[in-house]
């Protein structure tokens, strides 16, 4: 029996992905579709005829249907929506108005509103009507003249002893976000209120929808993936299921830039060709100096970029941050430099080589700390995302200056 991974790969590599998708049992189509990368989802939707797309979307919740139809072209989307009943069409059209990366793009419409003086009996009737209409249990928001005051927990409704009692005494505070808040801002709200749902409000503070914690799992995963992509120069939209042509198209520009910086480092090494030829052991230890500097610079960059993202530091206030990273780099340079100096002295029977590589390690890690903190701050001040562009400058600095210091010292000492 084919696994989910096998099926996803078959769909991603097929010339007719909709046909492959249509062969799946209907009960499995929904789950598998939302496991596919967005590029593959779009290919499946584009390959579907309108009736097949309608049949698939018809079985989805309005928010899921919105995600699928958002991948289709406008003409197809309009034609599919025209075939739905008015209530469903209005819900989906309403959700399609918002950006998928905003709070409104994450929200559900599974909620009911009741006034604070409503009785439990009245609330129970509202909930039953919603369940009969949608098949889903709603979140119960309590309002006071259209102003949200909180949420009525489901357990309060289930445990109410007097049906005529008003719900006002059982209301719990509900965190809120504006409909146009970024999805990453919604994540922060949930981190501050992990046990709550979040109400999405319009400009006039009226309720538009509700967001559940599970809706943010994909956002958190995407954030982690974006960070990894940014650090490695891979396009955010690239998927593990993409073919070789798509992968080449998304990576070659970054590799060309890296090639240019590699030639710069090679040019520095070329200045010391004679000393390397006379003392070939230097070539053995060059990657050690460069590699340690690159790793240390990346560590400093990661901490600084996080501080920028949390608004803890800026170029104007970053002097202490740079100094701390320089001091930390120097200390780590002493630790690692002493170790590599001992190794070089013992194994190569050359105390001078050990001295050169040890001092070079200290100086290169100081450079790594300096540029690893300063470059992200400068890029942020210039309005450039430091997570996407700092690595290449830091690596260039540690490679070029690291080689220059190491080989320059060797020229003077050995």
Protein backbone atom coordinates (compact mmCIF):
# COMPACT_ATOMS: atom_id res chain seq x y z
CA UNK A 1 0.00 0.00 0.00
CA UNK A 2 1.33 3.44 -0.96
CA UNK A 3 2.22 5.73 1.93
CA UNK A 4 1.15 9.37 2.17
CA UNK A 5 4.68 10.41 1.16
CA UNK A 6 4.53 8.18 -1.94
CA UNK A 7 1.19 9.70 -2.93
CA UNK A 8 2.43 13.26 -2.44
CA UNK A 9 5.51 12.57 -4.58
CA UNK A 10 3.38 10.96 -7.28
CA UNK A 11 1.10 14.01 -7.41
CA UNK A 12 4.00 16.47 -7.36
CA UNK A 13 5.81 14.79 -10.25
CA UNK A 14 2.75 13.98 -12.36
CA UNK A 15 1.98 15.82 -15.58
CA UNK A 16 -1.70 15.53 -14.62
CA UNK A 17 -1.73 16.08 -10.82
CA UNK A 18 -5.52 16.53 -10.64
CA UNK A 19 -6.03 13.06 -12.11
CA UNK A 20 -3.71 11.55 -9.53
CA UNK A 21 -5.52 13.47 -6.79
CA UNK A 22 -8.97 12.44 -8.05
CA UNK A 23 -8.04 8.75 -7.77
CA UNK A 24 -7.70 9.10 -3.99
CA UNK A 25 -10.68 8.11 -1.80
CA UNK A 26 -12.78 11.18 -1.02
CA UNK A 27 -12.20 10.66 2.71
CA UNK A 28 -8.43 11.12 2.20
CA UNK A 29 -8.44 13.97 -0.31
CA UNK A 30 -8.96 16.81 2.17
CA UNK A 31 -6.20 15.72 4.58
CA UNK A 32 -3.67 15.06 1.84
CA UNK A 33 -4.39 18.27 -0.07
CA UNK A 34 -3.48 20.46 2.91
CA UNK A 35 -0.29 18.45 3.47
CA UNK A 36 0.96 19.35 -0.02
CA UNK A 37 3.28 22.35 -0.52
CA UNK A 38 1.49 25.42 -1.87
CA UNK A 39 3.16 25.10 -5.29
CA UNK A 40 1.78 21.57 -5.65
CA UNK A 41 -1.64 22.61 -4.32
CA UNK A 42 -1.78 25.31 -6.98
CA UNK A 43 -0.80 22.80 -9.69
CA UNK A 44 -3.61 20.44 -8.59
CA UNK A 45 -6.20 23.25 -8.59
CA UNK A 46 -5.04 24.57 -11.98
CA UNK A 47 -5.31 21.07 -13.45
CA UNK A 48 -8.85 20.47 -12.14
CA UNK A 49 -11.88 21.14 -14.29
CA UNK A 50 -14.44 23.41 -12.63
CA UNK A 51 -16.91 20.68 -11.74
CA UNK A 52 -14.22 18.57 -10.05
CA UNK A 53 -13.04 21.63 -8.14
CA UNK A 54 -16.61 22.40 -7.07
CA UNK A 55 -17.15 18.85 -5.85
CA UNK A 56 -13.94 18.99 -3.81
CA UNK A 57 -14.61 22.42 -2.32
CA UNK A 58 -18.22 21.49 -1.54
CA UNK A 59 -16.98 19.02 1.10
CA UNK A 60 -14.75 21.56 2.89
CA UNK A 61 -15.42 24.03 5.67
CA UNK A 62 -15.78 27.65 4.47
CA UNK A 63 -12.30 28.64 5.69
CA UNK A 64 -10.72 25.61 3.97
CA UNK A 65 -12.75 26.26 0.82
CA UNK A 66 -11.41 29.81 0.87
CA UNK A 67 -7.82 28.52 0.98
CA UNK A 68 -8.45 26.26 -2.02
CA UNK A 69 -10.33 28.80 -4.14
CA UNK A 70 -7.69 31.39 -3.35
CA UNK A 71 -5.33 29.29 -5.50
CA UNK A 72 -7.64 29.37 -8.53
CA UNK A 73 -7.82 32.11 -11.17
CA UNK A 74 -10.58 34.69 -10.78
CA UNK A 75 -12.76 33.34 -13.59
CA UNK A 76 -12.69 29.79 -12.20
CA UNK A 77 -13.31 31.05 -8.67
CA UNK A 78 -16.33 33.09 -9.78
CA UNK A 79 -17.83 30.18 -11.73
CA UNK A 80 -17.40 27.70 -8.86
CA UNK A 81 -18.89 30.11 -6.32
CA UNK A 82 -21.88 30.75 -8.60
CA UNK A 83 -22.89 27.10 -8.22
CA UNK A 84 -23.06 27.20 -4.39
CA UNK A 85 -26.11 28.10 -2.34
CA UNK A 86 -26.31 31.73 -1.26
CA UNK A 87 -25.36 31.20 2.38
CA UNK A 88 -22.18 29.24 1.57
CA UNK A 89 -21.24 31.56 -1.29
CA UNK A 90 -21.54 34.65 0.92
CA UNK A 91 -19.33 33.13 3.62
CA UNK A 92 -16.59 32.17 1.18
CA UNK A 93 -16.73 35.48 -0.67
CA UNK A 94 -16.47 37.27 2.67
CA UNK A 95 -13.36 35.30 3.64
CA UNK A 96 -11.77 35.77 0.21
CA UNK A 97 -11.70 39.51 0.79
CA UNK A 98 -8.86 39.16 3.31
CA UNK A 99 -5.18 38.38 2.96
CA UNK A 100 -4.37 34.75 3.83
CA UNK A 101 -1.44 36.02 5.92
CA UNK A 102 -3.62 38.21 8.12
CA UNK A 103 -5.75 37.46 11.17
CA UNK A 104 -8.86 37.52 8.97
CA UNK A 105 -7.22 35.00 6.66
CA UNK A 106 -6.86 32.58 9.60
CA UNK A 107 -10.29 33.05 11.16
CA UNK A 108 -13.32 30.75 11.22
CA UNK A 109 -16.97 31.74 11.21
CA UNK A 110 -17.93 29.10 13.79
CA UNK A 111 -19.16 31.46 16.47
CA UNK A 112 -22.40 32.85 17.85
CA UNK A 113 -22.93 36.08 19.78
CA UNK A 114 -25.30 36.48 22.70
CA UNK A 115 -26.10 39.42 24.95
CA UNK A 116 -24.80 39.35 28.53
CA UNK A 117 -28.32 39.19 29.96
CA UNK A 118 -29.22 36.13 27.82
CA UNK A 119 -30.26 33.02 29.72
CA UNK A 120 -28.52 29.69 29.36
CA UNK A 121 -31.69 28.35 27.74
CA UNK A 122 -31.52 31.03 25.02
CA UNK A 123 -27.82 30.36 24.45
CA UNK A 124 -28.43 26.62 24.15
CA UNK A 125 -31.00 27.27 21.43
CA UNK A 126 -28.55 29.46 19.50
CA UNK A 127 -25.84 26.82 19.76
CA UNK A 128 -28.17 24.03 18.59
CA UNK A 129 -29.24 26.04 15.54
CA UNK A 130 -25.62 26.66 14.61
CA UNK A 131 -24.74 22.97 15.03
CA UNK A 132 -27.73 21.89 12.91
CA UNK A 133 -26.75 24.32 10.18
CA UNK A 134 -22.97 23.72 10.14
CA UNK A 135 -22.35 20.47 12.00
CA UNK A 136 -19.82 22.24 14.22
CA UNK A 137 -19.92 23.48 17.82
CA UNK A 138 -19.47 27.27 17.89
CA UNK A 139 -17.47 29.53 20.13
CA UNK A 140 -19.87 31.62 22.21
CA UNK A 141 -19.01 35.30 22.41
CA UNK A 142 -20.88 37.49 24.89
CA UNK A 143 -21.57 41.11 24.02
CA UNK A 144 -23.00 44.17 25.68
CA UNK A 145 -24.80 46.24 23.05
CA UNK A 146 -22.55 44.83 20.30
CA UNK A 147 -19.37 45.40 22.33
CA UNK A 148 -17.44 42.19 23.01
CA UNK A 149 -16.97 41.52 26.71
CA UNK A 150 -15.70 37.94 26.58
CA UNK A 151 -16.35 34.27 25.85
CA UNK A 152 -18.76 31.86 27.50
CA UNK A 153 -16.84 28.60 28.09
CA UNK A 154 -18.51 25.50 26.69
CA UNK A 155 -18.28 23.79 30.10
CA UNK A 156 -20.32 26.59 31.66
CA UNK A 157 -23.12 25.89 29.21
CA UNK A 158 -22.92 22.17 29.85
CA UNK A 159 -22.92 22.52 33.65
CA UNK A 160 -25.55 25.24 34.03
CA UNK A 161 -28.05 24.19 36.66
CA UNK A 162 -30.65 26.89 36.07
CA UNK A 163 -31.55 27.40 32.43
CA UNK A 164 -33.10 30.80 33.15
CA UNK A 165 -29.93 32.14 34.81
CA UNK A 166 -28.11 34.91 32.88
CA UNK A 167 -24.71 34.08 31.42
CA UNK A 168 -23.06 37.36 32.55
CA UNK A 169 -21.49 35.81 35.65
CA UNK A 170 -19.69 33.09 33.67
CA UNK A 171 -17.98 35.20 31.01
CA UNK A 172 -14.20 34.87 30.61
CA UNK A 173 -11.95 37.51 29.08
CA UNK A 174 -11.13 36.93 25.42
CA UNK A 175 -7.96 38.19 23.69
CA UNK A 176 -8.64 40.08 20.46
CA UNK A 177 -6.80 41.08 17.29
CA UNK A 178 -7.68 43.40 14.42
CA UNK A 179 -8.67 41.70 11.17
CA UNK A 180 -5.62 43.13 9.37
CA UNK A 181 -3.06 42.02 11.97
CA UNK A 182 -0.24 39.91 10.53
CA UNK A 183 -0.45 36.17 11.21
CA UNK A 184 2.85 36.41 13.14
CA UNK A 185 1.23 38.98 15.46
CA UNK A 186 -1.59 36.52 16.10
CA UNK A 187 1.00 33.91 17.08
CA UNK A 188 2.34 36.31 19.71
CA UNK A 189 -1.17 36.85 21.10
CA UNK A 190 -1.62 33.09 21.46
CA UNK A 191 1.74 32.76 23.16
CA UNK A 192 0.56 35.27 25.75
CA UNK A 193 -2.87 33.53 26.06
CA UNK A 194 -2.22 29.85 25.20
CA UNK A 195 -5.48 28.53 26.65
CA UNK A 196 -7.84 30.88 24.83
CA UNK A 197 -9.39 31.37 21.45
CA UNK A 198 -8.89 34.78 19.85
CA UNK A 199 -11.67 37.00 18.55
CA UNK A 200 -11.05 38.87 15.29
CA UNK A 201 -12.49 42.39 15.30
CA UNK A 202 -13.37 44.84 12.54
CA UNK A 203 -12.46 48.54 12.65
CA UNK A 204 -15.65 49.30 14.58
CA UNK A 205 -14.87 46.53 17.16
CA UNK A 206 -17.58 44.24 15.81
CA UNK A 207 -16.74 40.52 15.69
CA UNK A 208 -15.67 39.11 12.33
CA UNK A 209 -14.53 35.63 13.32
CA UNK A 210 -12.60 33.39 15.69
CA UNK A 211 -9.13 31.85 15.56
CA UNK A 212 -8.18 28.60 17.31
CA UNK A 213 -4.72 27.58 18.46
CA UNK A 214 -4.50 24.72 15.95
CA UNK A 215 -4.94 27.21 13.11
CA UNK A 216 -1.54 28.63 13.98
CA UNK A 217 0.46 25.40 13.76
CA UNK A 218 1.08 25.94 10.06
CA UNK A 219 2.07 29.57 10.67
CA UNK A 220 4.62 28.52 13.31
CA UNK A 221 5.99 25.81 11.01
CA UNK A 222 6.22 28.30 8.14
CA UNK A 223 8.06 30.78 10.38
CA UNK A 224 10.63 28.12 11.25
CA UNK A 225 10.95 27.13 7.61
CA UNK A 226 11.32 30.73 6.46
CA UNK A 227 14.12 31.29 8.97
CA UNK A 228 15.97 28.23 7.73
CA UNK A 229 15.43 29.23 4.10
CA UNK A 230 16.65 32.77 4.78
CA UNK A 231 19.82 31.55 6.45
CA UNK A 232 20.64 29.23 3.53
CA UNK A 233 19.53 31.38 0.60
CA UNK A 234 16.76 29.04 -0.52
CA UNK A 235 13.57 30.60 -1.89
CA UNK A 236 10.68 30.42 0.58
CA UNK A 237 8.35 28.93 -2.03
CA UNK A 238 10.69 26.03 -2.85
CA UNK A 239 9.39 22.63 -1.83
CA UNK A 240 11.14 19.34 -1.21
CA UNK A 241 8.83 17.89 -3.88
CA UNK A 242 9.89 20.37 -6.58
CA UNK A 243 11.63 19.04 -9.67
CA UNK A 244 15.27 19.82 -10.56
CA UNK A 245 14.40 22.69 -12.93
CA UNK A 246 12.42 24.52 -10.23
CA UNK A 247 15.20 23.98 -7.71
CA UNK A 248 17.83 25.35 -10.09
CA UNK A 249 15.68 28.40 -10.84
CA UNK A 250 15.26 29.22 -7.14
CA UNK A 251 18.91 28.79 -6.14
CA UNK A 252 21.30 29.81 -8.92
CA UNK A 253 21.31 33.57 -8.17
CA UNK A 254 22.33 33.02 -4.56
CA UNK A 255 25.06 30.60 -5.62
CA UNK A 256 26.43 33.12 -8.16
CA UNK A 257 26.67 35.75 -5.40
CA UNK A 258 28.49 33.24 -3.19
CA UNK A 259 30.78 32.45 -6.09
CA UNK A 260 31.76 36.11 -6.31
CA UNK A 261 32.66 36.26 -2.61
CA UNK A 262 34.59 32.99 -2.94
CA UNK A 263 36.73 34.57 -5.67
CA UNK A 264 37.37 37.52 -3.35
CA UNK A 265 38.65 35.14 -0.67
CA UNK A 266 40.68 33.28 -3.29
CA UNK A 267 42.27 36.56 -4.39
CA UNK A 268 43.46 37.18 -0.82
CA UNK A 269 44.92 33.68 -0.66
CA UNK A 270 46.64 34.32 -4.01
CA UNK A 271 48.56 37.21 -2.46
CA UNK A 272 50.35 34.70 -0.25
CA UNK A 273 51.00 32.03 -2.87
CA UNK A 274 54.75 31.98 -2.23
CA UNK A 275 54.49 31.49 1.53
CA UNK A 276 51.90 28.70 1.07
CA UNK A 277 54.18 26.99 -1.45
CA UNK A 278 57.10 27.24 0.98
CA UNK A 279 55.08 26.01 3.96
CA UNK A 280 52.32 23.74 2.68
CA UNK A 281 50.94 22.99 6.17
CA UNK A 282 49.35 26.43 6.08
CA UNK A 283 46.90 25.13 3.47
CA UNK A 284 45.81 22.39 5.87
CA UNK A 285 44.79 24.86 8.57
CA UNK A 286 43.24 27.55 6.38
CA UNK A 287 39.77 25.89 6.35
CA UNK A 288 39.92 25.62 10.16
CA UNK A 289 40.39 29.37 10.60
CA UNK A 290 37.76 30.27 8.00
CA UNK A 291 35.23 27.69 9.21
CA UNK A 292 35.46 28.70 12.86
CA UNK A 293 35.10 32.37 11.93
CA UNK A 294 32.04 31.67 9.77
CA UNK A 295 30.34 29.63 12.49
CA UNK A 296 31.04 32.24 15.17
CA UNK A 297 29.76 35.03 12.89
CA UNK A 298 26.55 33.13 12.20
CA UNK A 299 25.98 32.65 15.94
CA UNK A 300 26.39 36.38 16.58
CA UNK A 301 24.11 37.17 13.65
CA UNK A 302 21.37 34.81 14.88
CA UNK A 303 21.31 36.43 18.33
CA UNK A 304 21.33 39.95 16.88
CA UNK A 305 18.60 39.25 14.31
CA UNK A 306 16.43 37.84 17.07
CA UNK A 307 17.01 40.99 19.13
CA UNK A 308 16.04 43.13 16.14
CA UNK A 309 12.89 41.08 15.58
CA UNK A 310 11.90 41.50 19.24
CA UNK A 311 12.70 45.24 19.03
CA UNK A 312 15.32 44.87 21.77
CA UNK A 313 18.12 46.52 19.83
CA UNK A 314 18.77 48.88 16.90
CA UNK A 315 21.84 50.45 15.29
CA UNK A 316 21.45 53.50 17.55
CA UNK A 317 21.45 51.37 20.73
CA UNK A 318 23.58 48.50 19.47
CA UNK A 319 27.02 49.59 20.71
CA UNK A 320 26.87 47.42 23.79
CA UNK A 321 25.60 44.46 21.76
CA UNK A 322 28.55 44.74 19.36
CA UNK A 323 31.00 45.07 22.26
CA UNK A 324 29.55 42.02 24.01
CA UNK A 325 29.84 39.94 20.85
CA UNK A 326 33.44 41.09 20.30
CA UNK A 327 34.39 40.17 23.87
CA UNK A 328 32.61 36.82 23.60
CA UNK A 329 34.34 36.18 20.28
CA UNK A 330 37.72 36.98 21.82
CA UNK A 331 37.11 34.64 24.76
CA UNK A 332 35.93 31.81 22.51
CA UNK A 333 38.90 32.54 20.24
CA UNK A 334 41.31 32.08 23.14
CA UNK A 335 39.68 28.78 24.11
CA UNK A 336 39.65 27.31 20.61
CA UNK A 337 42.92 28.99 19.63
CA UNK A 338 44.81 27.39 22.51
CA UNK A 339 43.40 23.97 21.58
CA UNK A 340 44.31 24.23 17.91
CA UNK A 341 47.74 25.71 18.76
CA UNK A 342 48.52 22.70 20.96
CA UNK A 343 47.35 20.31 18.23
CA UNK A 344 49.44 22.04 15.56
CA UNK A 345 52.51 22.19 17.82
CA UNK A 346 52.32 18.53 18.82
CA UNK A 347 51.29 16.89 15.56
CA UNK A 348 53.30 19.08 13.21
CA UNK A 349 56.29 19.67 15.51
CA UNK A 350 56.04 23.40 14.84
CA UNK A 351 55.46 25.74 17.79
CA UNK A 352 55.58 28.73 15.43
CA UNK A 353 52.74 27.28 13.35
CA UNK A 354 50.79 26.70 16.56
CA UNK A 355 51.37 30.31 17.60
CA UNK A 356 50.29 31.68 14.22
CA UNK A 357 47.09 29.64 14.02
CA UNK A 358 46.24 30.30 17.68
CA UNK A 359 46.55 34.09 17.33
CA UNK A 360 44.71 33.97 14.00
CA UNK A 361 41.84 32.08 15.64
CA UNK A 362 41.50 34.70 18.37
CA UNK A 363 41.54 37.61 15.93
CA UNK A 364 39.13 35.97 13.47
CA UNK A 365 36.57 35.20 16.17
CA UNK A 366 36.80 38.83 17.33
CA UNK A 367 36.14 39.86 13.72
CA UNK A 368 33.26 37.38 13.55
CA UNK A 369 31.65 38.82 16.68
CA UNK A 370 32.09 42.39 15.42
CA UNK A 371 30.65 41.87 11.95
CA UNK A 372 28.12 39.26 13.10
CA UNK A 373 26.48 41.91 15.30
CA UNK A 374 27.16 45.08 13.31
CA UNK A 375 26.08 43.96 9.81
CA UNK A 376 22.50 42.93 10.81
CA UNK A 377 22.08 46.24 12.65
CA UNK A 378 23.29 48.22 9.62
CA UNK A 379 21.06 46.28 7.21
CA UNK A 380 18.07 46.79 9.48
CA UNK A 381 18.78 50.54 9.57
CA UNK A 382 18.88 50.54 5.74
CA UNK A 383 15.48 48.82 5.61
CA UNK A 384 16.89 45.49 4.40
CA UNK A 385 15.85 42.26 6.11
CA UNK A 386 19.06 41.16 7.90
CA UNK A 387 17.93 37.53 8.11
CA UNK A 388 17.91 37.22 4.32
CA UNK A 389 21.12 39.07 3.48
CA UNK A 390 23.52 39.31 6.43
CA UNK A 391 25.06 35.84 6.14
CA UNK A 392 26.85 36.44 2.88
CA UNK A 393 28.51 39.66 4.13
CA UNK A 394 29.55 38.10 7.44
CA UNK A 395 31.00 35.02 5.79
CA UNK A 396 32.90 37.19 3.31
CA UNK A 397 34.36 39.27 6.15
CA UNK A 398 35.49 36.27 8.20
CA UNK A 399 36.92 34.46 5.16
CA UNK A 400 38.77 37.40 3.64
CA UNK A 401 40.08 38.91 6.88
CA UNK A 402 40.68 35.50 8.43
CA UNK A 403 42.86 34.38 5.53
CA UNK A 404 44.65 37.74 5.43
CA UNK A 405 45.49 37.61 9.15
CA UNK A 406 46.50 33.94 9.13
CA UNK A 407 48.69 34.10 6.05
CA UNK A 408 50.00 37.58 6.90
CA UNK A 409 51.17 36.39 10.32
CA UNK A 410 52.68 33.30 8.77
CA UNK A 411 54.63 35.49 6.35
CA UNK A 412 56.01 37.55 9.23
CA UNK A 413 56.73 34.75 11.71
CA UNK A 414 57.54 31.52 9.87
